[in-house]
Amino acid sequence: MRKCAITILSVVLMAQGAVAAEKTVKCEITSGNKIVFNANCVFMPEEGGSFSLSGIKQKPFFDGISVISVSIIEKGVAEVRGLTADGINSRWGEAKRSNKDKACWVGEDFKVCAR
């Protein structure tokens, strides 16, 4: 019985690890019409297609923003937020997945791409 419980726990932990596997991707962040970040960053997938981005070695993207969260609220629509190292969480707004580039989420005055 104990062996079975350990095996089940191992499978559950591996499945959770698969969802949370970080990887390095190319990020492009645009504010207005200006590219404010264009370099590699860390992509952290979350359940349901949501994800977060952070700078390599925890360096901020720009203006002290250290984490960008793209949270899916419905198919093709996400809520985007920026978090500073000081813990200030700013709402950037709603974004729609780009029809031209599925790696990008486009808001009213911003764009977040992770390729």
Protein backbone atom coordinates (compact mmCIF):
# COMPACT_ATOMS: atom_id res chain seq x y z
CA MET A 1 0.00 0.00 0.00
CA ARG A 2 2.81 2.40 0.87
CA LYS A 3 4.51 1.77 -2.49
CA CYS A 4 1.27 2.56 -4.30
CA ALA A 5 0.85 5.86 -2.42
CA ILE A 6 4.44 6.89 -3.21
CA THR A 7 3.93 6.06 -6.90
CA ILE A 8 0.71 8.08 -7.06
CA LEU A 9 2.38 11.03 -5.30
CA SER A 10 5.30 10.86 -7.75
CA VAL A 11 2.93 10.92 -10.75
CA VAL A 12 1.02 13.90 -9.31
CA LEU A 13 4.24 15.83 -8.63
CA MET A 14 5.58 15.12 -12.14
CA ALA A 15 2.30 16.30 -13.68
CA GLN A 16 2.44 19.52 -11.67
CA GLY A 17 6.04 20.03 -12.71
CA ALA A 18 5.08 19.71 -16.37
CA VAL A 19 2.64 22.60 -16.04
CA ALA A 20 5.11 24.77 -14.17
CA ALA A 21 8.23 24.18 -16.32
CA GLU A 22 9.94 27.51 -16.91
CA LYS A 23 11.74 28.23 -20.15
CA THR A 24 13.64 31.08 -21.76
CA VAL A 25 11.79 32.82 -24.59
CA LYS A 26 12.15 35.97 -26.67
CA CYS A 27 9.99 38.73 -25.18
CA GLU A 28 8.87 41.96 -26.76
CA ILE A 29 6.92 44.47 -24.69
CA THR A 30 5.45 47.54 -26.36
CA SER A 31 4.00 50.57 -24.60
CA GLY A 32 2.08 52.87 -26.92
CA ASN A 33 4.01 52.59 -30.17
CA LYS A 34 7.40 52.20 -28.49
CA ILE A 35 9.18 48.89 -27.83
CA VAL A 36 10.28 49.13 -24.19
CA PHE A 37 11.74 45.62 -23.88
CA ASN A 38 13.08 43.29 -26.56
CA ALA A 39 15.26 40.47 -25.19
CA ASN A 40 15.11 37.02 -23.65
CA CYS A 41 12.99 36.51 -20.55
CA VAL A 42 11.66 33.66 -18.41
CA PHE A 43 8.28 32.19 -19.44
CA MET A 44 6.32 30.53 -16.62
CA PRO A 45 3.22 28.68 -17.89
CA GLU A 46 0.17 28.42 -15.68
CA GLU A 47 -2.99 26.38 -15.84
CA GLY A 48 -5.48 27.20 -18.60
CA GLY A 49 -3.02 28.96 -20.90
CA SER A 50 -2.22 31.83 -18.55
CA PHE A 51 1.44 32.68 -18.04
CA SER A 52 3.88 35.03 -16.36
CA LEU A 53 7.08 36.55 -17.65
CA SER A 54 10.08 37.69 -15.64
CA GLY A 55 13.44 39.11 -16.54
CA ILE A 56 16.52 36.92 -16.78
CA LYS A 57 18.26 36.76 -13.38
CA GLN A 58 15.25 38.67 -12.00
CA LYS A 59 16.25 41.91 -13.72
CA PRO A 60 13.30 44.26 -14.28
CA PHE A 61 11.82 44.70 -17.74
CA PHE A 62 11.39 48.50 -17.54
CA ASP A 63 10.15 51.07 -15.01
CA GLY A 64 10.80 48.57 -12.20
CA ILE A 65 8.37 45.97 -13.62
CA SER A 66 9.77 42.58 -12.63
CA VAL A 67 6.86 40.27 -13.52
CA ILE A 68 4.19 40.51 -16.20
CA SER A 69 1.13 38.29 -15.78
CA VAL A 70 -1.19 37.34 -18.63
CA SER A 71 -4.26 35.71 -17.09
CA ILE A 72 -6.77 34.15 -19.46
CA ILE A 73 -10.32 35.23 -18.60
CA GLU A 74 -12.01 33.73 -21.67
CA LYS A 75 -10.92 32.28 -25.00
CA GLY A 76 -8.68 34.82 -26.72
CA VAL A 77 -9.00 37.39 -23.92
CA ALA A 78 -6.64 38.00 -20.99
CA GLU A 79 -6.14 40.37 -18.09
CA VAL A 80 -2.59 41.75 -18.02
CA ARG A 81 -0.80 43.08 -14.94
CA GLY A 82 2.68 44.25 -14.07
CA LEU A 83 4.33 43.67 -10.70
CA THR A 84 7.28 45.66 -9.36
CA ALA A 85 9.98 44.39 -7.02
CA ASP A 86 8.34 46.61 -4.35
CA GLY A 87 5.12 44.59 -4.67
CA ILE A 88 3.12 47.21 -6.57
CA ASN A 89 0.68 45.37 -8.82
CA SER A 90 -0.59 47.54 -11.68
CA ARG A 91 -3.47 46.59 -13.93
CA TRP A 92 -2.53 47.17 -17.56
CA GLY A 93 -5.92 46.09 -18.79
CA GLU A 94 -7.59 43.60 -21.05
CA ALA A 95 -5.73 42.18 -24.03
CA LYS A 96 -6.79 40.09 -26.98
CA ARG A 97 -4.70 37.43 -28.61
CA SER A 98 -3.31 38.70 -31.89
CA ASN A 99 -4.70 37.10 -35.05
CA LYS A 100 -1.44 37.88 -36.88
CA ASP A 101 0.94 36.52 -34.20
CA LYS A 102 -0.48 34.03 -31.66
CA ALA A 103 2.52 34.70 -29.38
CA CYS A 104 1.23 38.26 -28.78
CA TRP A 105 -1.47 39.74 -26.59
CA VAL A 106 -2.61 43.23 -27.59
CA GLY A 107 -4.19 45.74 -25.23
CA GLU A 108 -5.44 49.27 -25.77
CA ASP A 109 -1.97 50.81 -25.36
CA PHE A 110 0.39 47.86 -24.92
CA LYS A 111 1.46 44.57 -26.46
CA VAL A 112 3.10 41.56 -24.79
CA CYS A 113 4.76 38.93 -26.99
CA ALA A 114 6.53 35.77 -25.80
CA ARG A 115 8.04 33.60 -28.54
